[in-house]
Amino acid sequence: MKREYDFSRGKRGAAVPTRGKTRITIYLDDEIVQRFKAESERTGKGYQTLINEVLALSKQEPPVTASQVRKIVREELEATQG
């Protein structure tokens, strides 16, 4: 090892940037992390990958609209009444 190193041209951050990913800090309940880690052991996928997959699924389906809820309720009421 050298006695002294020159960091004058050093840059902060990850040594190797990843494309399409952003490093963030997030606080999750311990139980949530434990469940994802257990699922990770079972499936062989990384727990962060599993969390990412769950979050990605939530954006695939559009939210249910008020008119769709009304239609579903009407159909269910008709089915129970007749």
Protein backbone atom coordinates (compact mmCIF):
# COMPACT_ATOMS: atom_id res chain seq x y z
CA MET A 1 0.00 0.00 0.00
CA LYS A 2 1.05 3.54 -0.64
CA ARG A 3 1.56 5.86 2.28
CA GLU A 4 -0.70 8.46 0.65
CA TYR A 5 -3.34 8.40 -2.09
CA ASP A 6 -4.50 11.24 -4.36
CA PHE A 7 -8.29 11.52 -4.39
CA SER A 8 -8.39 14.95 -6.03
CA ARG A 9 -9.99 13.49 -9.20
CA GLY A 10 -12.18 10.98 -7.36
CA LYS A 11 -15.93 10.85 -7.88
CA ARG A 12 -18.62 9.91 -5.38
CA GLY A 13 -21.10 7.16 -6.04
CA ALA A 14 -21.17 3.59 -7.20
CA ALA A 15 -18.01 2.31 -8.85
CA VAL A 16 -20.04 0.78 -11.67
CA PRO A 17 -23.24 2.59 -12.60
CA THR A 18 -26.22 0.38 -13.42
CA ARG A 19 -28.51 1.20 -16.31
CA GLY A 20 -32.21 1.43 -15.61
CA LYS A 21 -31.81 1.22 -11.85
CA THR A 22 -31.65 3.90 -9.18
CA ARG A 23 -30.20 3.32 -5.74
CA ILE A 24 -32.52 4.57 -3.00
CA THR A 25 -32.92 4.16 0.73
CA ILE A 26 -36.30 2.86 1.83
CA TYR A 27 -37.56 1.81 5.24
CA LEU A 28 -39.76 -1.29 5.27
CA ASP A 29 -41.28 -3.13 8.21
CA ASP A 30 -39.05 -5.93 9.49
CA GLU A 31 -41.83 -8.46 8.88
CA ILE A 32 -42.06 -7.47 5.21
CA VAL A 33 -38.32 -7.85 4.66
CA GLN A 34 -38.33 -11.21 6.48
CA ARG A 35 -41.16 -12.49 4.26
CA PHE A 36 -39.35 -11.43 1.09
CA LYS A 37 -36.10 -12.98 2.33
CA ALA A 38 -37.93 -16.24 3.10
CA GLU A 39 -39.47 -16.19 -0.38
CA SER A 40 -36.01 -15.47 -1.77
CA GLU A 41 -34.66 -18.61 -0.10
CA ARG A 42 -37.56 -20.64 -1.47
CA THR A 43 -37.37 -19.35 -5.07
CA GLY A 44 -33.67 -18.60 -5.42
CA LYS A 45 -34.40 -15.03 -6.54
CA GLY A 46 -32.95 -12.07 -4.67
CA TYR A 47 -35.31 -10.46 -2.18
CA GLN A 48 -34.82 -7.03 -3.75
CA THR A 49 -35.74 -8.50 -7.13
CA LEU A 50 -38.91 -9.93 -5.60
CA ILE A 51 -39.85 -6.56 -4.08
CA ASN A 52 -39.22 -4.91 -7.46
CA GLU A 53 -41.47 -7.47 -9.18
CA VAL A 54 -44.30 -6.79 -6.73
CA LEU A 55 -44.00 -3.04 -7.25
CA ALA A 56 -43.92 -3.49 -11.04
CA LEU A 57 -47.12 -5.57 -10.91
CA SER A 58 -48.95 -2.76 -9.16
CA LYS A 59 -48.51 -0.47 -12.17
CA GLN A 60 -49.67 -2.98 -14.83
CA GLU A 61 -53.38 -2.92 -14.13
CA PRO A 62 -55.29 0.36 -14.20
CA PRO A 63 -57.20 1.20 -11.02
CA VAL A 64 -60.89 0.30 -10.81
CA THR A 65 -63.12 3.26 -11.64
CA ALA A 66 -66.24 4.30 -9.74
CA SER A 67 -68.47 3.24 -12.64
CA GLN A 68 -66.88 -0.23 -12.67
CA VAL A 69 -67.53 -0.56 -8.93
CA ARG A 70 -71.18 0.45 -9.44
CA LYS A 71 -71.58 -2.11 -12.21
CA ILE A 72 -70.07 -4.88 -10.07
CA VAL A 73 -72.30 -3.99 -7.11
CA ARG A 74 -75.41 -3.96 -9.35
CA GLU A 75 -74.50 -7.38 -10.78
CA GLU A 76 -73.93 -8.82 -7.31
CA LEU A 77 -77.23 -7.39 -5.99
CA GLU A 78 -79.12 -8.82 -8.95
CA ALA A 79 -77.53 -12.20 -8.43
CA THR A 80 -78.52 -12.31 -4.76
CA GLN A 81 -82.07 -11.06 -5.36
CA GLY A 82 -83.07 -13.10 -8.29
